[in-house]
Amino acid sequence: MLKRRKAASEVLASLVILLIVSLLGTSLYSFSLSTMRYQQDNLNSEIRLETARAKENFKVIYFGWDGLGDDISTMILNYGQLDIKISDVYVNGQKTGTYLSGRMETIYTSKFGTLLFTSPVTINAGNNYEIVLVSERGVSYAIDWTT
């Protein structure tokens, strides 16, 4: 009679171990599957963004300054395959905080757009300035400008 109890408890112990291993394996599989799905979604969104950046091209055609204040006007040509919006402007590395017009306005493909902003740096005649325009997708266009 003792042998039967011993055999039954060994079978029961084996079943419990199989159950634990199955539960842990299922949990690990589910976790790894959700993690891989999340990574795949992130990769796909990065690929879409990089593809859009590759199709986005713009150029500053004109910088204008009236010689009095720190307001600068620009004319931008969008010659890429996507419509763009200018989100930020940097003058000598300092971010512009005051936009008078044109910020985040759509510049359609093969069209011109204007942007009027107040420079964070004091503008003086005869000086050189590095101006960087950044689109909402992160594409930047830098130019050295002499007043």
Protein backbone atom coordinates (compact mmCIF):
# COMPACT_ATOMS: atom_id res chain seq x y z
CA MET A 1 0.00 0.00 0.00
CA LEU A 2 2.88 2.35 0.64
CA LYS A 3 4.15 1.82 -2.88
CA ARG A 4 0.87 3.05 -4.37
CA ARG A 5 0.95 6.24 -2.35
CA LYS A 6 4.52 6.81 -3.34
CA ALA A 7 3.70 6.22 -7.02
CA ALA A 8 0.64 8.43 -6.87
CA SER A 9 2.56 11.26 -5.26
CA GLU A 10 5.33 11.00 -7.87
CA VAL A 11 2.77 11.16 -10.68
CA LEU A 12 1.03 14.06 -8.96
CA ALA A 13 4.34 15.87 -8.45
CA SER A 14 5.22 15.35 -12.12
CA LEU A 15 1.86 16.78 -13.19
CA VAL A 16 2.30 19.80 -10.92
CA ILE A 17 5.78 20.41 -12.35
CA LEU A 18 4.42 20.10 -15.91
CA LEU A 19 1.65 22.54 -15.05
CA ILE A 20 4.12 25.07 -13.61
CA VAL A 21 6.45 24.74 -16.60
CA SER A 22 3.52 25.11 -19.01
CA LEU A 23 2.25 28.23 -17.23
CA LEU A 24 5.71 29.81 -17.15
CA GLY A 25 6.32 28.94 -20.79
CA THR A 26 2.98 30.39 -21.86
CA SER A 27 3.61 33.57 -19.87
CA LEU A 28 7.10 33.99 -21.33
CA TYR A 29 5.80 33.39 -24.86
CA SER A 30 3.00 35.93 -24.39
CA PHE A 31 5.39 38.54 -22.96
CA SER A 32 7.96 38.08 -25.73
CA LEU A 33 5.24 38.22 -28.39
CA SER A 34 3.87 41.54 -27.06
CA THR A 35 7.39 42.95 -26.74
CA MET A 36 8.24 42.03 -30.32
CA ARG A 37 4.96 43.53 -31.55
CA TYR A 38 5.75 46.79 -29.73
CA GLN A 39 9.26 46.88 -31.23
CA GLN A 40 7.87 46.18 -34.71
CA ASP A 41 5.35 49.03 -34.34
CA ASN A 42 8.14 51.40 -33.25
CA LEU A 43 10.32 50.34 -36.16
CA ASN A 44 7.47 50.85 -38.62
CA SER A 45 6.75 54.36 -37.31
CA GLU A 46 10.46 55.27 -37.52
CA ILE A 47 10.60 53.99 -41.09
CA ARG A 48 7.54 56.07 -42.03
CA LEU A 49 9.10 59.18 -40.45
CA GLU A 50 12.46 58.65 -42.18
CA THR A 51 10.70 58.08 -45.50
CA ALA A 52 8.80 61.34 -45.05
CA ARG A 53 12.01 63.16 -44.13
CA ALA A 54 13.67 61.87 -47.29
CA LYS A 55 10.83 63.29 -49.37
CA GLU A 56 10.92 66.69 -47.64
CA ASN A 57 13.10 69.38 -49.23
CA PHE A 58 12.94 73.12 -48.79
CA LYS A 59 15.19 76.08 -49.35
CA VAL A 60 15.27 79.65 -48.07
CA ILE A 61 15.09 81.94 -51.10
CA TYR A 62 15.17 85.29 -49.33
CA PHE A 63 16.02 86.85 -45.97
CA GLY A 64 14.81 90.37 -45.31
CA TRP A 65 15.68 92.82 -42.55
CA ASP A 66 14.49 96.43 -42.41
CA GLY A 67 17.65 97.65 -40.65
CA LEU A 68 15.82 98.88 -37.56
CA GLY A 69 14.63 96.08 -35.28
CA ASP A 70 15.28 92.39 -34.95
CA ASP A 71 12.40 91.22 -37.17
CA ILE A 72 13.47 88.98 -40.03
CA SER A 73 11.29 87.91 -42.93
CA THR A 74 12.02 84.82 -45.00
CA MET A 75 10.68 83.30 -48.17
CA ILE A 76 10.83 79.51 -48.34
CA LEU A 77 10.49 77.28 -51.41
CA ASN A 78 9.13 73.79 -50.84
CA TYR A 79 10.54 71.67 -53.67
CA GLY A 80 10.04 68.30 -52.00
CA GLN A 81 7.33 65.69 -52.44
CA LEU A 82 5.45 66.54 -49.21
CA ASP A 83 3.82 69.63 -47.77
CA ILE A 84 5.86 71.13 -44.93
CA LYS A 85 5.44 73.30 -41.85
CA ILE A 86 8.30 75.27 -40.28
CA SER A 87 8.21 74.67 -36.54
CA ASP A 88 11.41 76.28 -35.20
CA VAL A 89 14.05 78.81 -36.14
CA TYR A 90 17.49 79.14 -34.53
CA VAL A 91 19.71 82.19 -34.90
CA ASN A 92 23.33 81.57 -33.88
CA GLY A 93 22.16 78.54 -31.93
CA GLN A 94 19.46 80.37 -29.96
CA LYS A 95 15.86 79.32 -30.45
CA THR A 96 13.43 81.97 -31.64
CA GLY A 97 10.53 82.54 -29.28
CA THR A 98 8.53 85.17 -31.17
CA TYR A 99 6.91 84.39 -34.50
CA LEU A 100 4.89 87.15 -36.13
CA SER A 101 3.50 85.01 -38.97
CA GLY A 102 4.02 81.80 -40.89
CA ARG A 103 4.96 79.40 -38.12
CA MET A 104 3.29 75.98 -38.50
CA GLU A 105 1.50 77.16 -41.65
CA THR A 106 1.43 74.63 -44.46
CA ILE A 107 3.76 75.30 -47.38
CA TYR A 108 2.49 73.15 -50.21
CA THR A 109 4.69 71.25 -52.63
CA SER A 110 6.23 73.46 -55.33
CA LYS A 111 4.97 76.60 -53.58
CA PHE A 112 6.48 79.49 -51.65
CA GLY A 113 5.79 80.30 -48.02
CA THR A 114 6.75 83.21 -45.81
CA LEU A 115 7.89 83.32 -42.21
CA LEU A 116 8.28 86.44 -40.11
CA PHE A 117 10.02 86.15 -36.75
CA THR A 118 11.88 88.22 -34.18
CA SER A 119 15.50 87.19 -33.79
CA PRO A 120 16.62 86.16 -30.29
CA VAL A 121 19.98 87.75 -31.14
CA THR A 122 20.36 91.49 -31.76
CA ILE A 123 20.81 92.08 -35.50
CA ASN A 124 23.50 94.55 -36.54
CA ALA A 125 24.47 95.65 -40.03
CA GLY A 126 27.50 93.91 -41.51
CA ASN A 127 27.44 90.91 -39.15
CA ASN A 128 27.19 87.24 -40.06
CA TYR A 129 24.46 85.03 -38.61
CA GLU A 130 23.79 81.33 -38.86
CA ILE A 131 20.06 80.74 -39.25
CA VAL A 132 18.59 77.25 -39.09
CA LEU A 133 14.97 76.51 -40.02
CA VAL A 134 13.51 73.22 -38.77
CA SER A 135 10.39 71.55 -40.13
CA GLU A 136 7.87 69.70 -38.00
CA ARG A 137 9.40 66.38 -39.14
CA GLY A 138 12.85 67.50 -38.00
CA VAL A 139 14.42 68.33 -41.36
CA SER A 140 16.65 71.37 -41.02
CA TYR A 141 18.00 73.93 -43.44
CA ALA A 142 20.97 76.05 -42.35
CA ILE A 143 22.26 79.19 -44.02
CA ASP A 144 24.92 81.75 -43.25
CA TRP A 145 23.38 85.19 -43.63
CA THR A 146 25.20 88.52 -43.75
CA THR A 147 23.20 91.69 -43.09
